[in-house]
Amino acid sequence: MTADRIFRVILFFIFGLIGWYVGTLIAGTNDLTLNTLKWAVPGALIFAVIGAIVAPYLTTKPARSVRRTIRQLPVQQLAYGGVGLIIGLIIAALLALPLSKLPAPFGNVLPAIGAVVFGYLGITVMVLRADDITNMLGGRFQSKSTADKEEPKPEAEPQSVLLDSSVIIDGRIADISQTGFITGPMLIPRFVLNEVQYIADSSDSLRRNRGRRGLDMLGKLQRDSVVPVIITDMDVKNVRQVDDKLVQLAKQLNCPVITNDFNLNQVAQLQGVRVLNINALANAVKVLVLPGESIRVRVIDEGKEYGQGVGYLDDGTMVVVENGHRYIDKEIDVQVTKVLQTSAGRMIFGMPTNNSN
């Protein structure tokens, strides 16, 4: 039995009891008389059905949302939030005694309200001012001997990059981040993360699978990347479209955008924003072969022209083999005769060598 069904059953009975109690209040008595049953039984049934319907919205769905949010938050923010909560609750506990001395109902209510308010304030202050607090503590505990040392020569700070939702869903950025080619922090704006979450919650199975893949790739990025992956709350006011927000934010931060989206690529370049396209990078690092060289390829299908065979290199480059139809399902040596670069990618034409079986 899934968690949804378990909570539906539990809230079915809880709301049913509430409905029974409401029915007895309307009837004016707890005795099992005909008048009491006339109100209590329908009330119990109606409330029980309502409880079963709203159960996921009160239990599992909020729990999943909280779990997803916690999983996406940086560990530093979670740690500062925990410290802020403890400090807020300590302050609330110190104020609870004098507040409880107030006349009713203030003495009964204000201590609980104070715990909620100061706990929330503690979390908010510590999370929002985390960098300032870290810098303050770091400067205070810095030894004088370290401060008196010769100031090192300034080094160029690595440039941050902004990630688009398309490149997160694509997933290759997780492998690229481990190679060290990206030297600066990777920034993921909250509105981009919300777009990936919206796709993951889509009713369309294809979009939903793509969105969930994006969330999985984001988790892999945070675990394995050699550079920091930062989810930032920076936003652009008076702009609604995600792509427009990303371009404007890149202009404000003077940093490039990593994307696979062709339209975003064009719009960003028109506005003077540098774009790093994963597809362009993949095309640039494909194996370069020249006419006259020999390559090994497996012929898997017939070509468009009579007698042609078609195979593919490991990087996906199509190889058209003249007179290669008789070698289908065989791996042969092919001598390259021509290389064409098209908008769809690179194509290689060749002939079977004399030593091909």
Protein backbone atom coordinates (compact mmCIF):
# COMPACT_ATOMS: atom_id res chain seq x y z
CA MET A 1 0.00 0.00 0.00
CA THR A 2 1.43 3.37 -1.02
CA ALA A 3 1.80 6.33 1.32
CA ASP A 4 -1.07 8.15 -0.44
CA ARG A 5 -3.49 5.30 0.27
CA ILE A 6 -2.34 4.96 3.88
CA PHE A 7 -2.93 8.64 4.60
CA ARG A 8 -6.26 8.54 2.74
CA VAL A 9 -7.44 5.76 5.07
CA ILE A 10 -6.16 7.55 8.18
CA LEU A 11 -7.76 10.90 7.29
CA PHE A 12 -10.93 9.08 6.20
CA PHE A 13 -11.46 7.89 9.78
CA ILE A 14 -10.21 11.10 11.43
CA PHE A 15 -12.51 13.32 9.37
CA GLY A 16 -15.31 10.79 9.87
CA LEU A 17 -15.00 11.19 13.64
CA ILE A 18 -14.98 14.96 13.23
CA GLY A 19 -18.13 14.72 11.11
CA TRP A 20 -19.80 12.53 13.74
CA TYR A 21 -18.91 15.07 16.44
CA VAL A 22 -20.31 17.93 14.35
CA GLY A 23 -23.51 15.94 13.82
CA THR A 24 -23.94 15.42 17.56
CA LEU A 25 -23.42 19.14 18.15
CA ILE A 26 -26.16 19.93 15.66
CA ALA A 27 -28.44 17.33 17.24
CA GLY A 28 -27.72 18.79 20.67
CA THR A 29 -26.98 15.47 22.40
CA ASN A 30 -24.51 12.58 22.42
CA ASP A 31 -27.17 9.95 23.05
CA LEU A 32 -27.77 7.47 20.23
CA THR A 33 -31.25 8.61 19.44
CA LEU A 34 -32.87 8.66 16.01
CA ASN A 35 -32.44 12.42 15.81
CA THR A 36 -28.73 12.14 16.69
CA LEU A 37 -28.14 9.46 14.06
CA LYS A 38 -30.00 11.55 11.48
CA TRP A 39 -27.34 14.23 11.81
CA ALA A 40 -24.25 12.28 12.91
CA VAL A 41 -24.21 9.56 10.23
CA PRO A 42 -24.44 11.89 7.18
CA GLY A 43 -21.95 14.25 8.82
CA ALA A 44 -19.50 11.40 9.39
CA LEU A 45 -19.85 10.16 5.79
CA ILE A 46 -19.48 13.62 4.24
CA PHE A 47 -16.44 14.52 6.35
CA ALA A 48 -14.87 11.09 5.75
CA VAL A 49 -15.12 11.50 1.97
CA ILE A 50 -13.67 15.02 2.23
CA GLY A 51 -10.79 13.66 4.32
CA ALA A 52 -10.01 10.97 1.75
CA ILE A 53 -10.01 13.55 -1.08
CA VAL A 54 -7.83 16.17 0.62
CA ALA A 55 -5.43 13.68 2.24
CA PRO A 56 -2.64 13.95 -0.40
CA TYR A 57 -2.81 17.76 -0.32
CA LEU A 58 -2.38 17.79 3.47
CA THR A 59 0.26 15.06 3.79
CA THR A 60 2.29 13.53 0.97
CA LYS A 61 2.36 16.41 -1.53
CA PRO A 62 3.61 19.03 0.97
CA ALA A 63 6.12 16.46 2.27
CA ARG A 64 7.44 15.82 -1.24
CA SER A 65 7.67 19.54 -1.93
CA VAL A 66 9.63 20.13 1.28
CA ARG A 67 11.92 17.17 0.54
CA ARG A 68 12.58 18.41 -3.01
CA THR A 69 13.33 21.91 -1.75
CA ILE A 70 15.71 20.66 0.95
CA ARG A 71 17.49 18.44 -1.58
CA GLN A 72 18.10 21.40 -3.87
CA LEU A 73 19.33 23.82 -1.20
CA PRO A 74 23.11 24.12 -0.70
CA VAL A 75 24.45 22.48 2.46
CA GLN A 76 25.76 25.86 3.67
CA GLN A 77 22.26 27.37 3.65
CA LEU A 78 20.83 24.35 5.51
CA ALA A 79 23.54 24.64 8.16
CA TYR A 80 22.99 28.37 8.66
CA GLY A 81 19.22 27.82 8.73
CA GLY A 82 19.60 25.22 11.50
CA VAL A 83 21.79 27.55 13.56
CA GLY A 84 19.33 30.40 13.05
CA LEU A 85 16.42 28.21 14.18
CA ILE A 86 18.25 27.24 17.38
CA ILE A 87 19.10 30.88 18.18
CA GLY A 88 15.51 31.99 17.49
CA LEU A 89 14.07 29.26 19.74
CA ILE A 90 16.49 30.18 22.56
CA ILE A 91 15.33 33.81 22.39
CA ALA A 92 11.68 32.66 22.33
CA ALA A 93 12.30 30.44 25.38
CA LEU A 94 13.79 33.39 27.32
CA LEU A 95 10.72 35.50 26.51
CA ALA A 96 8.23 32.71 27.20
CA LEU A 97 8.22 33.19 31.00
CA PRO A 98 7.45 36.93 31.06
CA LEU A 99 4.90 36.52 28.24
CA SER A 100 3.12 33.75 30.14
CA LYS A 101 2.55 36.16 33.06
CA LEU A 102 0.27 38.32 30.90
CA PRO A 103 -3.47 38.02 31.48
CA ALA A 104 -5.49 35.50 29.48
CA PRO A 105 -5.72 34.87 26.61
CA PHE A 106 -2.39 36.62 25.83
CA GLY A 107 -0.43 34.63 28.38
CA ASN A 108 -1.54 31.36 26.77
CA VAL A 109 -1.06 32.34 23.11
CA LEU A 110 1.92 34.70 22.92
CA PRO A 111 4.65 32.16 23.99
CA ALA A 112 3.69 29.84 21.11
CA ILE A 113 3.49 32.74 18.65
CA GLY A 114 6.87 33.99 19.87
CA ALA A 115 8.46 30.59 19.21
CA VAL A 116 7.17 30.58 15.63
CA VAL A 117 8.11 34.22 14.95
CA PHE A 118 11.61 34.11 16.43
CA GLY A 119 12.33 30.72 14.85
CA TYR A 120 11.38 32.11 11.44
CA LEU A 121 13.39 35.31 12.02
CA GLY A 122 16.43 33.29 13.07
CA ILE A 123 16.34 31.15 9.93
CA THR A 124 15.74 34.14 7.64
CA VAL A 125 18.50 36.31 9.10
CA MET A 126 21.12 33.57 9.12
CA VAL A 127 20.37 32.41 5.55
CA LEU A 128 20.14 35.88 4.00
CA ARG A 129 23.22 37.22 5.78
CA ALA A 130 25.29 34.02 5.60
CA ASP A 131 28.09 35.56 3.51
CA ASP A 132 28.38 38.63 5.75
CA ILE A 133 28.50 36.48 8.89
CA THR A 134 31.15 34.22 7.36
CA ASN A 135 33.29 37.20 6.35
CA MET A 136 32.89 38.81 9.78
CA LEU A 137 33.90 35.67 11.67
CA GLY A 138 36.76 35.01 9.23
CA GLY A 139 38.12 38.54 9.70
CA ARG A 140 37.79 38.43 13.50
CA PHE A 141 39.68 35.17 13.95
CA GLN A 142 42.39 36.06 11.48
CA SER A 143 45.72 36.20 13.26
CA LYS A 144 47.78 39.35 13.26
CA SER A 145 50.76 37.53 11.86
CA THR A 146 48.74 36.56 8.82
CA ALA A 147 47.55 40.14 8.37
CA ASP A 148 51.13 41.45 8.58
CA LYS A 149 52.38 39.17 5.84
CA GLU A 150 53.11 40.51 2.44
CA GLU A 151 49.89 40.88 0.50
CA PRO A 152 49.80 38.29 -2.32
CA LYS A 153 49.48 39.40 -5.89
CA PRO A 154 45.87 39.51 -6.98
CA GLU A 155 44.77 36.63 -9.16
CA ALA A 156 42.07 36.78 -11.79
CA GLU A 157 38.84 35.50 -10.31
CA PRO A 158 37.21 32.69 -12.30
CA GLN A 159 34.18 33.90 -14.22
CA SER A 160 30.77 32.56 -13.26
CA VAL A 161 28.46 31.01 -15.84
CA LEU A 162 24.65 30.85 -15.93
CA LEU A 163 22.96 27.54 -16.72
CA ASP A 164 19.77 27.34 -18.79
CA SER A 165 17.08 24.69 -18.18
CA SER A 166 17.81 23.04 -21.56
CA VAL A 167 21.43 22.34 -20.65
CA ILE A 168 20.42 20.98 -17.22
CA ILE A 169 17.92 18.57 -18.81
CA ASP A 170 20.44 17.60 -21.53
CA GLY A 171 22.78 16.31 -18.81
CA ARG A 172 26.14 16.54 -20.62
CA ILE A 173 27.06 19.55 -18.48
CA ALA A 174 27.50 17.15 -15.54
CA ASP A 175 30.30 15.33 -17.39
CA ILE A 176 31.84 18.55 -18.72
CA SER A 177 31.95 20.05 -15.21
CA GLN A 178 34.16 17.18 -14.04
CA THR A 179 36.79 17.81 -16.72
CA GLY A 180 37.86 21.24 -15.43
CA PHE A 181 37.02 23.13 -18.62
CA ILE A 182 34.56 25.26 -16.61
CA THR A 183 36.66 27.14 -14.06
CA GLY A 184 34.10 29.45 -12.44
CA PRO A 185 31.02 28.81 -10.31
CA MET A 186 27.93 27.60 -12.14
CA LEU A 187 24.92 29.74 -11.21
CA ILE A 188 21.39 28.35 -11.47
CA PRO A 189 18.76 31.07 -10.94
CA ARG A 190 15.71 30.08 -8.95
CA PHE A 191 13.41 30.84 -11.90
CA VAL A 192 15.35 28.33 -14.06
CA LEU A 193 15.03 25.71 -11.32
CA ASN A 194 11.29 26.43 -11.08
CA GLU A 195 11.00 25.87 -14.84
CA VAL A 196 12.66 22.45 -14.52
CA GLN A 197 10.35 21.59 -11.62
CA TYR A 198 7.32 22.69 -13.68
CA ILE A 199 8.41 20.37 -16.50
CA ALA A 200 8.94 17.52 -14.00
CA ASP A 201 5.37 17.99 -12.72
CA SER A 202 3.86 18.04 -16.24
CA SER A 203 0.95 15.73 -17.06
CA ASP A 204 2.70 14.77 -20.32
CA SER A 205 4.88 11.71 -19.66
CA LEU A 206 7.65 12.78 -22.08
CA ARG A 207 7.99 16.26 -20.56
CA ARG A 208 7.74 14.80 -17.06
CA ASN A 209 10.58 12.35 -17.74
CA ARG A 210 12.73 15.14 -19.19
CA GLY A 211 12.09 17.31 -16.12
CA ARG A 212 12.93 14.50 -13.72
CA ARG A 213 16.10 13.81 -15.67
CA GLY A 214 16.99 17.48 -15.22
CA LEU A 215 16.51 17.26 -11.44
CA ASP A 216 18.66 14.11 -11.35
CA MET A 217 21.37 15.84 -13.39
CA LEU A 218 21.24 18.80 -11.01
CA GLY A 219 21.82 16.48 -8.08
CA LYS A 220 24.76 14.89 -9.92
CA LEU A 221 26.17 18.36 -10.62
CA GLN A 222 26.04 19.31 -6.95
CA ARG A 223 27.71 16.03 -5.92
CA ASP A 224 30.43 15.63 -8.53
CA SER A 225 31.26 19.04 -10.02
CA VAL A 226 34.78 20.34 -9.40
CA VAL A 227 33.45 23.92 -9.29
CA PRO A 228 30.69 25.27 -7.01
CA VAL A 229 27.08 24.86 -8.17
CA ILE A 230 25.08 27.73 -6.67
CA ILE A 231 21.30 28.08 -6.73
CA THR A 232 20.77 31.82 -6.55
CA ASP A 233 17.65 33.87 -5.78
CA MET A 234 18.78 36.70 -8.09
CA ASP A 235 15.92 37.80 -10.32
CA VAL A 236 15.07 40.47 -12.88
CA LYS A 237 12.10 42.69 -12.12
CA ASN A 238 9.40 43.51 -14.67
CA VAL A 239 10.44 40.57 -16.91
CA ARG A 240 8.23 37.48 -17.12
CA GLN A 241 9.80 35.16 -19.73
CA VAL A 242 12.52 32.86 -18.38
CA ASP A 243 14.79 33.34 -21.41
CA ASP A 244 14.50 37.12 -21.18
CA LYS A 245 15.30 37.01 -17.46
CA LEU A 246 18.36 34.86 -18.13
CA VAL A 247 19.70 37.23 -20.79
CA GLN A 248 19.14 40.31 -18.62
CA LEU A 249 20.75 38.63 -15.61
CA ALA A 250 23.76 37.64 -17.73
CA LYS A 251 24.14 41.26 -18.83
CA GLN A 252 23.98 42.45 -15.21
CA LEU A 253 26.57 39.91 -14.02
CA ASN A 254 28.66 40.21 -17.20
CA CYS A 255 28.90 36.43 -17.49
CA PRO A 256 28.18 33.91 -20.27
CA VAL A 257 25.14 31.62 -20.56
CA ILE A 258 25.47 27.88 -21.17
CA THR A 259 22.55 26.59 -23.23
CA ASN A 260 21.41 24.20 -25.96
CA ASP A 261 18.40 26.34 -26.92
CA PHE A 262 18.86 27.70 -30.46
CA ASN A 263 16.42 30.60 -29.97
CA LEU A 264 18.03 31.66 -26.67
CA ASN A 265 21.41 31.42 -28.35
CA GLN A 266 20.37 33.83 -31.11
CA VAL A 267 18.59 36.30 -28.79
CA ALA A 268 21.50 36.40 -26.35
CA GLN A 269 24.09 37.02 -29.07
CA LEU A 270 21.97 39.83 -30.53
CA GLN A 271 22.03 41.54 -27.12
CA GLY A 272 25.78 41.13 -26.72
CA VAL A 273 25.69 38.25 -24.24
CA ARG A 274 28.31 35.55 -24.65
CA VAL A 275 26.83 32.08 -25.18
CA LEU A 276 28.50 28.70 -24.59
CA ASN A 277 26.61 26.10 -26.64
CA ILE A 278 27.06 22.45 -25.66
CA ASN A 279 26.09 21.27 -29.15
CA ALA A 280 28.70 23.53 -30.73
CA LEU A 281 31.29 22.15 -28.30
CA ALA A 282 30.33 18.57 -29.18
CA ASN A 283 30.73 19.31 -32.90
CA ALA A 284 34.08 20.99 -32.31
CA VAL A 285 35.60 17.99 -30.50
CA LYS A 286 34.47 15.35 -33.00
CA VAL A 287 37.23 13.22 -34.45
CA LEU A 288 38.76 14.95 -37.49
CA VAL A 289 39.52 12.73 -40.46
CA LEU A 290 41.02 13.74 -43.80
CA PRO A 291 40.60 12.32 -47.31
CA GLY A 292 42.97 9.41 -47.82
CA GLU A 293 42.90 8.24 -44.19
CA SER A 294 41.45 4.88 -43.19
CA ILE A 295 38.83 4.37 -40.48
CA ARG A 296 37.12 1.33 -38.99
CA VAL A 297 33.32 1.38 -39.11
CA ARG A 298 30.42 -1.05 -38.81
CA VAL A 299 27.93 -0.86 -41.70
CA ILE A 300 24.43 -1.07 -40.24
CA ASP A 301 22.04 0.01 -43.01
CA GLU A 302 21.62 0.80 -46.70
CA GLY A 303 22.19 4.32 -47.99
CA LYS A 304 19.93 6.53 -50.10
CA GLU A 305 21.79 5.77 -53.32
CA TYR A 306 22.05 2.32 -54.88
CA GLY A 307 24.81 0.19 -53.42
CA GLN A 308 25.62 2.53 -50.53
CA GLY A 309 26.03 1.40 -46.95
CA VAL A 310 25.79 3.59 -43.85
CA GLY A 311 27.61 3.39 -40.52
CA TYR A 312 28.39 5.70 -37.61
CA LEU A 313 31.49 6.60 -35.63
CA ASP A 314 31.46 6.58 -31.82
CA ASP A 315 30.69 10.32 -31.74
CA GLY A 316 27.64 9.90 -33.99
CA THR A 317 29.25 11.06 -37.27
CA MET A 318 27.58 9.42 -40.28
CA VAL A 319 29.84 7.46 -42.64
CA VAL A 320 28.49 6.74 -46.15
CA VAL A 321 30.30 3.78 -47.73
CA GLU A 322 30.13 3.47 -51.54
CA ASN A 323 29.48 -0.14 -52.61
CA GLY A 324 29.02 -0.92 -48.94
CA HIS A 325 25.57 -2.54 -49.03
CA ARG A 326 27.11 -6.03 -49.16
CA TYR A 327 28.94 -5.37 -45.88
CA ILE A 328 25.79 -4.68 -43.78
CA ASP A 329 26.22 -6.00 -40.21
CA LYS A 330 29.98 -6.24 -40.74
CA GLU A 331 32.85 -4.09 -39.46
CA ILE A 332 35.20 -3.02 -42.26
CA ASP A 333 38.06 -0.63 -43.02
CA VAL A 334 36.97 2.39 -45.05
CA GLN A 335 39.23 4.80 -46.92
CA VAL A 336 37.92 8.37 -46.62
CA THR A 337 37.26 10.07 -49.98
CA LYS A 338 35.37 13.20 -48.92
CA VAL A 339 34.31 15.04 -45.74
CA LEU A 340 31.28 17.35 -45.77
CA GLN A 341 30.37 19.80 -42.99
CA THR A 342 26.63 20.59 -43.01
CA SER A 343 24.27 22.40 -40.66
CA ALA A 344 23.16 19.00 -39.38
CA GLY A 345 26.74 17.93 -38.63
CA ARG A 346 29.71 16.26 -40.32
CA MET A 347 29.34 13.52 -42.97
CA ILE A 348 32.12 11.26 -44.19
CA PHE A 349 32.17 9.47 -47.55
CA GLY A 350 34.47 6.56 -48.23
CA MET A 351 35.19 3.32 -50.08
CA PRO A 352 35.91 -0.13 -48.66
CA THR A 353 39.65 -0.83 -48.64
CA ASN A 354 41.12 -3.81 -50.41
CA ASN A 355 41.66 -5.76 -47.19
CA SER A 356 37.92 -5.56 -46.19
CA ASN A 357 36.25 -8.98 -46.06
